[in-house]
Structures are given as C-alpha cells and as structure tokens.
All heavy atoms as atom14 arrays in JSON, in Angstrom:
{
  "sequence": "FNPRYGRLGLVAMPYFFLFEALAPVVEVLGYALMPVFYFFGLF",
  "atom14_mask": [
    [1, 1, 1, 1, 1, 1, 1, 1, 1, 1, 1, 0, 0, 0],
    [1, 1, 1, 1, 1, 1, 1, 1, 0, 0, 0, 0, 0, 0],
    [1, 1, 1, 1, 1, 1, 1, 0, 0, 0, 0, 0, 0, 0],
    [1, 1, 1, 1, 1, 1, 1, 1, 1, 1, 1, 0, 0, 0],
    [1, 1, 1, 1, 1, 1, 1, 1, 1, 1, 1, 1, 0, 0],
    [1, 1, 1, 1, 0, 0, 0, 0, 0, 0, 0, 0, 0, 0],
    [1, 1, 1, 1, 1, 1, 1, 1, 1, 1, 1, 0, 0, 0],
    [1, 1, 1, 1, 1, 1, 1, 1, 0, 0, 0, 0, 0, 0],
    [1, 1, 1, 1, 0, 0, 0, 0, 0, 0, 0, 0, 0, 0],
    [1, 1, 1, 1, 1, 1, 1, 1, 0, 0, 0, 0, 0, 0],
    [1, 1, 1, 1, 1, 1, 1, 0, 0, 0, 0, 0, 0, 0],
    [1, 1, 1, 1, 1, 0, 0, 0, 0, 0, 0, 0, 0, 0],
    [1, 1, 1, 1, 1, 1, 1, 1, 0, 0, 0, 0, 0, 0],
    [1, 1, 1, 1, 1, 1, 1, 0, 0, 0, 0, 0, 0, 0],
    [1, 1, 1, 1, 1, 1, 1, 1, 1, 1, 1, 1, 0, 0],
    [1, 1, 1, 1, 1, 1, 1, 1, 1, 1, 1, 0, 0, 0],
    [1, 1, 1, 1, 1, 1, 1, 1, 1, 1, 1, 0, 0, 0],
    [1, 1, 1, 1, 1, 1, 1, 1, 0, 0, 0, 0, 0, 0],
    [1, 1, 1, 1, 1, 1, 1, 1, 1, 1, 1, 0, 0, 0],
    [1, 1, 1, 1, 1, 1, 1, 1, 1, 0, 0, 0, 0, 0],
    [1, 1, 1, 1, 1, 0, 0, 0, 0, 0, 0, 0, 0, 0],
    [1, 1, 1, 1, 1, 1, 1, 1, 0, 0, 0, 0, 0, 0],
    [1, 1, 1, 1, 1, 0, 0, 0, 0, 0, 0, 0, 0, 0],
    [1, 1, 1, 1, 1, 1, 1, 0, 0, 0, 0, 0, 0, 0],
    [1, 1, 1, 1, 1, 1, 1, 0, 0, 0, 0, 0, 0, 0],
    [1, 1, 1, 1, 1, 1, 1, 0, 0, 0, 0, 0, 0, 0],
    [1, 1, 1, 1, 1, 1, 1, 1, 1, 0, 0, 0, 0, 0],
    [1, 1, 1, 1, 1, 1, 1, 0, 0, 0, 0, 0, 0, 0],
    [1, 1, 1, 1, 1, 1, 1, 1, 0, 0, 0, 0, 0, 0],
    [1, 1, 1, 1, 0, 0, 0, 0, 0, 0, 0, 0, 0, 0],
    [1, 1, 1, 1, 1, 1, 1, 1, 1, 1, 1, 1, 0, 0],
    [1, 1, 1, 1, 1, 0, 0, 0, 0, 0, 0, 0, 0, 0],
    [1, 1, 1, 1, 1, 1, 1, 1, 0, 0, 0, 0, 0, 0],
    [1, 1, 1, 1, 1, 1, 1, 1, 0, 0, 0, 0, 0, 0],
    [1, 1, 1, 1, 1, 1, 1, 0, 0, 0, 0, 0, 0, 0],
    [1, 1, 1, 1, 1, 1, 1, 0, 0, 0, 0, 0, 0, 0],
    [1, 1, 1, 1, 1, 1, 1, 1, 1, 1, 1, 0, 0, 0],
    [1, 1, 1, 1, 1, 1, 1, 1, 1, 1, 1, 1, 0, 0],
    [1, 1, 1, 1, 1, 1, 1, 1, 1, 1, 1, 0, 0, 0],
    [1, 1, 1, 1, 1, 1, 1, 1, 1, 1, 1, 0, 0, 0],
    [1, 1, 1, 1, 0, 0, 0, 0, 0, 0, 0, 0, 0, 0],
    [1, 1, 1, 1, 1, 1, 1, 1, 0, 0, 0, 0, 0, 0],
    [1, 1, 1, 1, 1, 1, 1, 1, 1, 1, 1, 0, 0, 0]
  ],
  "atom14_positions": [
    [[0.82, -1.23, 0.0], [0.0, 0.0, 0.0], [0.85, 1.27, 0.0], [0.4, 2.33, 0.45], [-0.95, 0.02, 1.21], [-1.82, -1.2, 1.32], [-1.54, -2.19, 2.26], [-2.9, -1.37, 0.47], [-2.33, -3.32, 2.36], [-3.69, -2.5, 0.56], [-3.41, -3.48, 1.5], [0.0, 0.0, 0.0], [0.0, 0.0, 0.0], [0.0, 0.0, 0.0]],
    [[2.09, 1.17, -0.51], [3.01, 2.3, -0.53], [3.03, 2.9, -1.94], [3.52, 2.28, -2.88], [4.41, 1.84, -0.13], [5.35, 2.99, 0.12], [5.17, 4.09, -0.41], [6.38, 2.75, 0.91], [0.0, 0.0, 0.0], [0.0, 0.0, 0.0], [0.0, 0.0, 0.0], [0.0, 0.0, 0.0], [0.0, 0.0, 0.0], [0.0, 0.0, 0.0]],
    [[2.53, 4.14, -2.09], [2.49, 4.75, -3.43], [3.86, 4.99, -4.04], [3.98, 5.18, -5.26], [1.76, 6.08, -3.18], [1.91, 6.34, -1.73], [1.96, 5.02, -1.06], [0.0, 0.0, 0.0], [0.0, 0.0, 0.0], [0.0, 0.0, 0.0], [0.0, 0.0, 0.0], [0.0, 0.0, 0.0], [0.0, 0.0, 0.0], [0.0, 0.0, 0.0]],
    [[4.91, 4.94, -3.24], [6.27, 5.13, -3.76], [6.6, 4.06, -4.8], [7.39, 4.3, -5.72], [7.28, 5.06, -2.62], [8.73, 5.2, -3.07], [9.69, 5.01, -1.92], [11.07, 5.21, -2.33], [12.13, 4.98, -1.55], [11.95, 4.56, -0.3], [13.36, 5.18, -2.0], [0.0, 0.0, 0.0], [0.0, 0.0, 0.0], [0.0, 0.0, 0.0]],
    [[5.98, 2.88, -4.66], [6.28, 1.76, -5.56], [5.23, 1.6, -6.65], [5.17, 0.56, -7.31], [6.42, 0.48, -4.74], [7.55, 0.57, -3.74], [7.29, 0.92, -2.41], [8.86, 0.34, -4.12], [8.32, 1.03, -1.49], [9.9, 0.45, -3.21], [9.62, 0.8, -1.89], [10.65, 0.92, -0.99], [0.0, 0.0, 0.0], [0.0, 0.0, 0.0]],
    [[4.43, 2.63, -6.86], [3.48, 2.64, -7.97], [2.5, 1.48, -7.93], [1.98, 1.13, -6.88], [0.0, 0.0, 0.0], [0.0, 0.0, 0.0], [0.0, 0.0, 0.0], [0.0, 0.0, 0.0], [0.0, 0.0, 0.0], [0.0, 0.0, 0.0], [0.0, 0.0, 0.0], [0.0, 0.0, 0.0], [0.0, 0.0, 0.0], [0.0, 0.0, 0.0]],
    [[2.25, 0.9, -9.09], [1.27, -0.19, -9.18], [1.72, -1.43, -8.41], [0.9, -2.26, -8.04], [1.01, -0.54, -10.64], [2.17, -1.17, -11.36], [1.97, -1.2, -12.86], [2.03, 0.15, -13.42], [1.9, 0.43, -14.71], [1.65, -0.53, -15.57], [1.99, 1.68, -15.14], [0.0, 0.0, 0.0], [0.0, 0.0, 0.0], [0.0, 0.0, 0.0]],
    [[3.03, -1.55, -8.15], [3.5, -2.67, -7.33], [3.01, -2.53, -5.9], [2.51, -3.48, -5.29], [5.03, -2.73, -7.33], [5.7, -3.03, -8.67], [7.18, -2.8, -8.58], [5.41, -4.46, -9.09], [0.0, 0.0, 0.0], [0.0, 0.0, 0.0], [0.0, 0.0, 0.0], [0.0, 0.0, 0.0], [0.0, 0.0, 0.0], [0.0, 0.0, 0.0]],
    [[3.18, -1.32, -5.34], [2.78, -1.1, -3.95], [1.29, -0.96, -3.76], [0.77, -1.31, -2.69], [0.0, 0.0, 0.0], [0.0, 0.0, 0.0], [0.0, 0.0, 0.0], [0.0, 0.0, 0.0], [0.0, 0.0, 0.0], [0.0, 0.0, 0.0], [0.0, 0.0, 0.0], [0.0, 0.0, 0.0], [0.0, 0.0, 0.0], [0.0, 0.0, 0.0]],
    [[0.59, -0.46, -4.79], [-0.84, -0.19, -4.64], [-1.74, -1.28, -5.21], [-2.92, -1.34, -4.86], [-1.18, 1.15, -5.3], [-0.49, 2.37, -4.7], [-0.86, 3.62, -5.48], [-0.85, 2.53, -3.23], [0.0, 0.0, 0.0], [0.0, 0.0, 0.0], [0.0, 0.0, 0.0], [0.0, 0.0, 0.0], [0.0, 0.0, 0.0], [0.0, 0.0, 0.0]],
    [[-1.19, -2.13, -6.09], [-2.03, -3.17, -6.7], [-1.43, -4.57, -6.5], [-2.07, -5.44, -5.9], [-2.23, -2.9, -8.21], [-3.11, -4.01, -8.82], [-2.86, -1.54, -8.45], [0.0, 0.0, 0.0], [0.0, 0.0, 0.0], [0.0, 0.0, 0.0], [0.0, 0.0, 0.0], [0.0, 0.0, 0.0], [0.0, 0.0, 0.0], [0.0, 0.0, 0.0]],
    [[-0.22, -4.8, -6.99], [0.33, -6.16, -7.01], [0.57, -6.72, -5.61], [0.09, -7.81, -5.28], [1.63, -6.17, -7.82], [0.0, 0.0, 0.0], [0.0, 0.0, 0.0], [0.0, 0.0, 0.0], [0.0, 0.0, 0.0], [0.0, 0.0, 0.0], [0.0, 0.0, 0.0], [0.0, 0.0, 0.0], [0.0, 0.0, 0.0], [0.0, 0.0, 0.0]],
    [[1.31, -6.0, -4.77], [1.58, -6.5, -3.43], [0.3, -6.64, -2.61], [0.11, -7.67, -1.93], [2.59, -5.6, -2.73], [3.99, -5.65, -3.32], [4.85, -7.23, -3.03], [5.32, -7.06, -1.31], [0.0, 0.0, 0.0], [0.0, 0.0, 0.0], [0.0, 0.0, 0.0], [0.0, 0.0, 0.0], [0.0, 0.0, 0.0], [0.0, 0.0, 0.0]],
    [[-0.61, -5.66, -2.61], [-1.88, -5.86, -1.9], [-2.67, -7.05, -2.42], [-3.31, -7.77, -1.65], [-2.63, -4.54, -2.15], [-1.56, -3.54, -2.33], [-0.48, -4.26, -3.08], [0.0, 0.0, 0.0], [0.0, 0.0, 0.0], [0.0, 0.0, 0.0], [0.0, 0.0, 0.0], [0.0, 0.0, 0.0], [0.0, 0.0, 0.0], [0.0, 0.0, 0.0]],
    [[-2.65, -7.25, -3.75], [-3.37, -8.41, -4.3], [-2.8, -9.71, -3.74], [-3.55, -10.59, -3.3], [-3.28, -8.43, -5.82], [-3.82, -9.71, -6.43], [-5.17, -9.84, -6.73], [-2.98, -10.8, -6.65], [-5.67, -11.03, -7.25], [-3.48, -11.99, -7.17], [-4.82, -12.1, -7.47], [-5.31, -13.28, -7.96], [0.0, 0.0, 0.0], [0.0, 0.0, 0.0]],
    [[-1.48, -9.86, -3.77], [-0.88, -11.1, -3.29], [-1.1, -11.29, -1.79], [-1.18, -12.43, -1.31], [0.61, -11.15, -3.63], [0.87, -11.65, -5.02], [0.94, -10.77, -6.09], [1.03, -13.0, -5.26], [1.17, -11.23, -7.38], [1.25, -13.48, -6.55], [1.32, -12.59, -7.61], [0.0, 0.0, 0.0], [0.0, 0.0, 0.0], [0.0, 0.0, 0.0]],
    [[-1.2, -10.19, -1.05], [-1.49, -10.29, 0.38], [-2.95, -10.67, 0.63], [-3.24, -11.63, 1.35], [-1.16, -8.97, 1.07], [-1.61, -8.91, 2.51], [-1.08, -9.79, 3.45], [-2.54, -7.98, 2.92], [-1.5, -9.75, 4.78], [-2.96, -7.92, 4.24], [-2.44, -8.81, 5.17], [0.0, 0.0, 0.0], [0.0, 0.0, 0.0], [0.0, 0.0, 0.0]],
    [[-3.86, -9.95, 0.0], [-5.28, -10.14, 0.27], [-5.87, -11.35, -0.43], [-6.72, -12.06, 0.14], [-6.06, -8.88, -0.13], [-5.76, -7.61, 0.66], [-6.46, -6.41, 0.03], [-6.19, -7.77, 2.11], [0.0, 0.0, 0.0], [0.0, 0.0, 0.0], [0.0, 0.0, 0.0], [0.0, 0.0, 0.0], [0.0, 0.0, 0.0], [0.0, 0.0, 0.0]],
    [[-5.47, -11.59, -1.7], [-6.15, -12.59, -2.51], [-5.33, -13.83, -2.84], [-5.82, -14.74, -3.5], [-6.63, -11.94, -3.81], [-7.59, -10.82, -3.58], [-7.25, -9.52, -3.92], [-8.83, -11.06, -3.01], [-8.13, -8.47, -3.71], [-9.72, -10.02, -2.79], [-9.37, -8.73, -3.14], [0.0, 0.0, 0.0], [0.0, 0.0, 0.0], [0.0, 0.0, 0.0]],
    [[-4.07, -13.87, -2.4], [-3.28, -15.09, -2.52], [-2.92, -15.63, -1.14], [-3.23, -16.76, -0.81], [-2.01, -14.83, -3.34], [-2.27, -14.56, -4.82], [-2.73, -15.79, -5.58], [-2.55, -16.92, -5.07], [-3.27, -15.63, -6.68], [0.0, 0.0, 0.0], [0.0, 0.0, 0.0], [0.0, 0.0, 0.0], [0.0, 0.0, 0.0], [0.0, 0.0, 0.0]],
    [[-2.27, -14.79, -0.32], [-1.87, -15.26, 1.01], [-3.06, -15.52, 1.92], [-3.1, -16.53, 2.63], [-0.93, -14.22, 1.64], [0.0, 0.0, 0.0], [0.0, 0.0, 0.0], [0.0, 0.0, 0.0], [0.0, 0.0, 0.0], [0.0, 0.0, 0.0], [0.0, 0.0, 0.0], [0.0, 0.0, 0.0], [0.0, 0.0, 0.0], [0.0, 0.0, 0.0]],
    [[-4.05, -14.62, 1.91], [-5.21, -14.77, 2.79], [-6.35, -15.59, 2.2], [-7.28, -15.96, 2.91], [-5.74, -13.39, 3.2], [-4.88, -12.58, 4.17], [-5.53, -11.23, 4.44], [-4.67, -13.33, 5.48], [0.0, 0.0, 0.0], [0.0, 0.0, 0.0], [0.0, 0.0, 0.0], [0.0, 0.0, 0.0], [0.0, 0.0, 0.0], [0.0, 0.0, 0.0]],
    [[-6.3, -15.87, 0.9], [-7.41, -16.56, 0.24], [-7.77, -17.89, 0.88], [-8.95, -18.17, 1.12], [-7.1, -16.75, -1.25], [0.0, 0.0, 0.0], [0.0, 0.0, 0.0], [0.0, 0.0, 0.0], [0.0, 0.0, 0.0], [0.0, 0.0, 0.0], [0.0, 0.0, 0.0], [0.0, 0.0, 0.0], [0.0, 0.0, 0.0], [0.0, 0.0, 0.0]],
    [[-6.79, -18.77, 1.2], [-7.18, -20.04, 1.81], [-7.81, -19.87, 3.18], [-8.67, -20.67, 3.58], [-5.86, -20.82, 1.89], [-4.79, -19.81, 1.79], [-5.33, -18.71, 0.93], [0.0, 0.0, 0.0], [0.0, 0.0, 0.0], [0.0, 0.0, 0.0], [0.0, 0.0, 0.0], [0.0, 0.0, 0.0], [0.0, 0.0, 0.0], [0.0, 0.0, 0.0]],
    [[-7.4, -18.84, 3.91], [-8.0, -18.58, 5.23], [-9.48, -18.22, 5.05], [-10.36, -18.77, 5.73], [-7.25, -17.46, 5.97], [-7.94, -17.14, 7.29], [-5.8, -17.86, 6.2], [0.0, 0.0, 0.0], [0.0, 0.0, 0.0], [0.0, 0.0, 0.0], [0.0, 0.0, 0.0], [0.0, 0.0, 0.0], [0.0, 0.0, 0.0], [0.0, 0.0, 0.0]],
    [[-9.75, -17.3, 4.14], [-11.13, -16.88, 3.9], [-11.96, -18.05, 3.37], [-13.1, -18.26, 3.82], [-11.17, -15.7, 2.9], [-12.61, -15.32, 2.56], [-10.42, -14.5, 3.47], [0.0, 0.0, 0.0], [0.0, 0.0, 0.0], [0.0, 0.0, 0.0], [0.0, 0.0, 0.0], [0.0, 0.0, 0.0], [0.0, 0.0, 0.0], [0.0, 0.0, 0.0]],
    [[-11.41, -18.81, 2.44], [-12.18, -19.9, 1.83], [-12.47, -21.01, 2.83], [-13.61, -21.48, 2.94], [-11.42, -20.47, 0.63], [-12.19, -21.54, -0.12], [-11.52, -21.96, -1.42], [-10.55, -21.29, -1.82], [-11.99, -22.94, -2.02], [0.0, 0.0, 0.0], [0.0, 0.0, 0.0], [0.0, 0.0, 0.0], [0.0, 0.0, 0.0], [0.0, 0.0, 0.0]],
    [[-11.45, -21.44, 3.57], [-11.65, -22.53, 4.53], [-12.62, -22.11, 5.63], [-13.5, -22.89, 6.04], [-10.3, -22.99, 5.12], [-10.51, -23.94, 6.29], [-9.46, -23.65, 4.05], [0.0, 0.0, 0.0], [0.0, 0.0, 0.0], [0.0, 0.0, 0.0], [0.0, 0.0, 0.0], [0.0, 0.0, 0.0], [0.0, 0.0, 0.0], [0.0, 0.0, 0.0]],
    [[-12.48, -20.88, 6.13], [-13.42, -20.41, 7.15], [-14.83, -20.31, 6.59], [-15.81, -20.55, 7.3], [-12.97, -19.05, 7.69], [-11.72, -19.07, 8.58], [-11.39, -17.66, 9.05], [-11.91, -19.99, 9.78], [0.0, 0.0, 0.0], [0.0, 0.0, 0.0], [0.0, 0.0, 0.0], [0.0, 0.0, 0.0], [0.0, 0.0, 0.0], [0.0, 0.0, 0.0]],
    [[-14.93, -19.97, 5.3], [-16.25, -19.91, 4.67], [-16.93, -21.27, 4.68], [-18.12, -21.37, 5.01], [0.0, 0.0, 0.0], [0.0, 0.0, 0.0], [0.0, 0.0, 0.0], [0.0, 0.0, 0.0], [0.0, 0.0, 0.0], [0.0, 0.0, 0.0], [0.0, 0.0, 0.0], [0.0, 0.0, 0.0], [0.0, 0.0, 0.0], [0.0, 0.0, 0.0]],
    [[-16.17, -22.32, 4.35], [-16.73, -23.68, 4.4], [-17.06, -24.07, 5.84], [-18.12, -24.64, 6.12], [-15.74, -24.69, 3.82], [-15.45, -24.52, 2.35], [-14.14, -24.44, 1.88], [-16.48, -24.46, 1.42], [-13.86, -24.3, 0.53], [-16.21, -24.31, 0.07], [-14.91, -24.23, -0.37], [-14.64, -24.08, -1.7], [0.0, 0.0, 0.0], [0.0, 0.0, 0.0]],
    [[-16.12, -23.76, 6.76], [-16.29, -24.2, 8.15], [-17.47, -23.52, 8.84], [-18.09, -24.12, 9.74], [-15.0, -23.94, 8.92], [0.0, 0.0, 0.0], [0.0, 0.0, 0.0], [0.0, 0.0, 0.0], [0.0, 0.0, 0.0], [0.0, 0.0, 0.0], [0.0, 0.0, 0.0], [0.0, 0.0, 0.0], [0.0, 0.0, 0.0], [0.0, 0.0, 0.0]],
    [[-17.77, -22.28, 8.45], [-18.83, -21.54, 9.14], [-20.22, -21.86, 8.62], [-21.21, -21.44, 9.23], [-18.57, -20.03, 9.03], [-17.44, -19.49, 9.91], [-17.2, -18.02, 9.62], [-17.74, -19.7, 11.38], [0.0, 0.0, 0.0], [0.0, 0.0, 0.0], [0.0, 0.0, 0.0], [0.0, 0.0, 0.0], [0.0, 0.0, 0.0], [0.0, 0.0, 0.0]],
    [[-20.31, -22.57, 7.52], [-21.65, -22.91, 7.02], [-22.48, -23.68, 8.04], [-23.66, -23.36, 8.26], [-21.53, -23.69, 5.7], [-21.33, -22.8, 4.49], [-21.52, -23.68, 2.92], [-21.29, -22.33, 1.78], [0.0, 0.0, 0.0], [0.0, 0.0, 0.0], [0.0, 0.0, 0.0], [0.0, 0.0, 0.0], [0.0, 0.0, 0.0], [0.0, 0.0, 0.0]],
    [[-21.91, -24.71, 8.71], [-22.71, -25.37, 9.76], [-23.08, -24.44, 10.91], [-24.16, -24.58, 11.51], [-21.78, -26.5, 10.25], [-20.82, -26.72, 9.14], [-20.62, -25.38, 8.51], [0.0, 0.0, 0.0], [0.0, 0.0, 0.0], [0.0, 0.0, 0.0], [0.0, 0.0, 0.0], [0.0, 0.0, 0.0], [0.0, 0.0, 0.0], [0.0, 0.0, 0.0]],
    [[-22.19, -23.47, 11.2], [-22.49, -22.51, 12.27], [-23.67, -21.63, 11.87], [-24.58, -21.37, 12.68], [-21.25, -21.65, 12.57], [-21.56, -20.61, 13.66], [-20.08, -22.53, 13.0], [0.0, 0.0, 0.0], [0.0, 0.0, 0.0], [0.0, 0.0, 0.0], [0.0, 0.0, 0.0], [0.0, 0.0, 0.0], [0.0, 0.0, 0.0], [0.0, 0.0, 0.0]],
    [[-23.65, -21.18, 10.61], [-24.78, -20.38, 10.12], [-26.09, -21.17, 10.21], [-27.12, -20.64, 10.6], [-24.55, -19.95, 8.67], [-23.36, -19.03, 8.48], [-22.63, -19.05, 7.3], [-22.97, -18.16, 9.48], [-21.55, -18.21, 7.12], [-21.89, -17.32, 9.32], [-21.17, -17.34, 8.15], [0.0, 0.0, 0.0], [0.0, 0.0, 0.0], [0.0, 0.0, 0.0]],
    [[-26.0, -22.45, 9.87], [-27.2, -23.29, 9.91], [-27.7, -23.45, 11.35], [-28.91, -23.38, 11.62], [-26.88, -24.66, 9.31], [-28.07, -25.58, 9.26], [-29.0, -25.49, 8.23], [-28.26, -26.55, 10.25], [-30.1, -26.34, 8.18], [-29.34, -27.4, 10.22], [-30.26, -27.29, 9.17], [-31.35, -28.13, 9.14], [0.0, 0.0, 0.0], [0.0, 0.0, 0.0]],
    [[-26.78, -23.63, 12.3], [-27.14, -23.83, 13.7], [-27.85, -22.61, 14.28], [-28.81, -22.73, 15.05], [-25.88, -24.14, 14.52], [-26.14, -24.32, 15.99], [-26.66, -25.51, 16.48], [-25.87, -23.29, 16.88], [-26.9, -25.67, 17.84], [-26.1, -23.44, 18.24], [-26.63, -24.63, 18.71], [0.0, 0.0, 0.0], [0.0, 0.0, 0.0], [0.0, 0.0, 0.0]],
    [[-27.39, -21.41, 13.89], [-27.99, -20.19, 14.42], [-29.14, -19.68, 13.55], [-29.65, -18.58, 13.79], [-26.92, -19.09, 14.55], [-26.0, -19.28, 15.72], [-24.71, -19.78, 15.52], [-26.41, -18.96, 17.0], [-23.86, -19.96, 16.59], [-25.55, -19.13, 18.08], [-24.28, -19.64, 17.88], [0.0, 0.0, 0.0], [0.0, 0.0, 0.0], [0.0, 0.0, 0.0]],
    [[-29.52, -20.46, 12.57], [-30.65, -20.06, 11.73], [-30.33, -18.98, 10.73], [-31.24, -18.33, 10.21], [0.0, 0.0, 0.0], [0.0, 0.0, 0.0], [0.0, 0.0, 0.0], [0.0, 0.0, 0.0], [0.0, 0.0, 0.0], [0.0, 0.0, 0.0], [0.0, 0.0, 0.0], [0.0, 0.0, 0.0], [0.0, 0.0, 0.0], [0.0, 0.0, 0.0]],
    [[-29.02, -18.78, 10.46], [-28.62, -17.74, 9.51], [-28.34, -18.3, 8.13], [-28.08, -17.54, 7.19], [-27.35, -17.02, 10.02], [-27.52, -16.17, 11.28], [-26.18, -15.6, 11.71], [-28.5, -15.03, 11.04], [0.0, 0.0, 0.0], [0.0, 0.0, 0.0], [0.0, 0.0, 0.0], [0.0, 0.0, 0.0], [0.0, 0.0, 0.0], [0.0, 0.0, 0.0]],
    [[-28.36, -19.6, 8.01], [-28.04, -20.21, 6.72], [-29.19, -19.96, 5.74], [-30.35, -20.16, 6.05], [-27.85, -21.72, 6.89], [-27.45, -22.41, 5.61], [-26.13, -22.47, 5.23], [-28.41, -23.01, 4.8], [-25.76, -23.12, 4.07], [-28.05, -23.65, 3.63], [-26.71, -23.7, 3.27], [0.0, 0.0, 0.0], [0.0, 0.0, 0.0], [0.0, 0.0, 0.0]]
  ]
}
C-alpha cells in the first residue's frame, strides 16, 4: 500500500497479500462456518 512503488505497492503486493496469502483462510473459514450459520438459523 506504498504509493512510492506505484502499481507494485498499490495493486500487485496488496493483491498477493489479500487474494493469494489470505485466500485459503477466507475460503476454509467460509466452508467451516456454514454449519455454524445453519445452527444459528442464519443459513
């Protein structure tokens, strides 16, 4: 998120952080929370 590095700092590095490094965390938690949503009537 550093504008000094142009599109690398503002696009590429944030993408790899948010959508590559964190992607499995978000996806796995998404699968795991489905039963929780069902239990609380939010599914």
